[in-house]
């Protein structure tokens, strides 16, 4: 069993307050959990209203399945939300 950690740094000029950012991130996290059966949390930049970092953890039988899942997550965010992905970090354990 392989554990994968995906850290995604996000940026958006559409956020005008922390409240707006949290509302959008809450929706995004719930949709990701339901669609991909993963654990996700806001892991950095909680006090910055135009930036966010999401950490996603998933388990899989092999690395290629996790790579595919993480790619689908990136595509889902890009296609469904007005967020720029500024940095991606992936680790496997």
Protein backbone atom coordinates (compact mmCIF):
# COMPACT_ATOMS: atom_id res chain seq x y z
CA UNK A 1 0.00 0.00 0.00
CA UNK A 2 1.34 3.45 -0.98
CA UNK A 3 0.46 6.77 0.69
CA UNK A 4 0.48 9.83 -1.55
CA UNK A 5 0.60 13.46 -0.41
CA UNK A 6 -0.32 16.20 -2.86
CA UNK A 7 0.24 19.83 -1.84
CA UNK A 8 -1.34 22.40 -4.14
CA UNK A 9 -0.69 26.14 -3.80
CA UNK A 10 -3.58 28.15 -5.18
CA UNK A 11 -4.00 31.83 -6.03
CA UNK A 12 -7.05 33.85 -6.99
CA UNK A 13 -7.78 37.52 -7.41
CA UNK A 14 -11.50 36.77 -7.08
CA UNK A 15 -11.18 36.52 -3.30
CA UNK A 16 -11.96 39.85 -1.67
CA UNK A 17 -12.06 38.59 1.90
CA UNK A 18 -11.14 35.60 4.02
CA UNK A 19 -14.83 34.77 4.27
CA UNK A 20 -15.16 34.45 0.48
CA UNK A 21 -12.00 32.36 0.31
CA UNK A 22 -13.17 29.99 3.04
CA UNK A 23 -16.59 29.59 1.45
CA UNK A 24 -15.06 28.59 -1.90
CA UNK A 25 -12.43 26.32 -0.33
CA UNK A 26 -15.07 24.61 1.80
CA UNK A 27 -17.06 23.81 -1.34
CA UNK A 28 -13.93 22.64 -3.17
CA UNK A 29 -12.81 20.39 -0.31
CA UNK A 30 -16.24 18.73 -0.02
CA UNK A 31 -16.45 18.13 -3.77
CA UNK A 32 -12.93 16.65 -3.83
CA UNK A 33 -13.70 14.35 -0.87
CA UNK A 34 -16.91 13.11 -2.46
CA UNK A 35 -15.52 12.65 -5.97
CA UNK A 36 -12.09 11.16 -5.20
CA UNK A 37 -12.47 9.55 -1.74
CA UNK A 38 -9.48 11.45 -0.32
CA UNK A 39 -8.59 13.40 2.81
CA UNK A 40 -8.08 17.13 2.17
CA UNK A 41 -7.39 20.18 4.32
CA UNK A 42 -6.28 23.79 4.01
CA UNK A 43 -2.70 23.50 5.21
CA UNK A 44 -1.16 26.97 4.76
CA UNK A 45 -1.91 30.63 4.11
CA UNK A 46 -5.04 30.62 6.28
CA UNK A 47 -4.66 34.36 6.98
CA UNK A 48 -3.94 35.42 3.39
CA UNK A 49 -7.09 36.07 1.38
CA UNK A 50 -5.70 35.56 -2.14
CA UNK A 51 -3.62 32.43 -1.49
CA UNK A 52 -4.38 28.96 -0.24
CA UNK A 53 -2.64 25.63 0.07
CA UNK A 54 -4.54 22.37 0.05
CA UNK A 55 -2.97 19.13 1.21
CA UNK A 56 -4.50 15.96 -0.18
CA UNK A 57 -3.75 12.46 1.11
CA UNK A 58 -4.73 9.26 -0.64
CA UNK A 59 -3.94 5.55 -0.35
CA UNK A 60 -3.46 3.22 -3.27
CA UNK A 61 -2.06 -0.17 -4.20
CA UNK A 62 0.63 1.40 -6.40
CA UNK A 63 2.16 4.73 -7.34
CA UNK A 64 0.65 4.94 -10.83
CA UNK A 65 -2.90 4.87 -9.47
CA UNK A 66 -2.08 7.71 -7.08
CA UNK A 67 -0.40 9.70 -9.87
CA UNK A 68 -3.56 9.32 -11.96
CA UNK A 69 -5.78 10.38 -9.04
CA UNK A 70 -3.64 13.45 -8.34
CA UNK A 71 -3.69 14.43 -12.03
CA UNK A 72 -7.49 14.13 -12.04
CA UNK A 73 -7.65 16.35 -8.94
CA UNK A 74 -5.48 19.00 -10.62
CA UNK A 75 -7.68 18.89 -13.74
CA UNK A 76 -10.86 19.07 -11.65
CA UNK A 77 -9.67 22.21 -9.85
CA UNK A 78 -8.50 23.82 -13.11
CA UNK A 79 -11.75 23.11 -14.97
CA UNK A 80 -14.27 23.84 -12.21
CA UNK A 81 -12.82 26.73 -10.22
CA UNK A 82 -11.34 30.13 -11.11
CA UNK A 83 -8.13 29.32 -9.27
CA UNK A 84 -4.56 29.42 -10.50
CA UNK A 85 -2.36 26.52 -9.43
CA UNK A 86 0.94 28.19 -8.58
CA UNK A 87 2.85 25.21 -7.16
CA UNK A 88 2.44 21.46 -6.83
CA UNK A 89 4.42 19.15 -4.59
CA UNK A 90 3.87 15.37 -4.54
CA UNK A 91 5.43 12.88 -2.15
CA UNK A 92 4.98 9.12 -1.79
CA UNK A 93 5.54 7.04 1.34
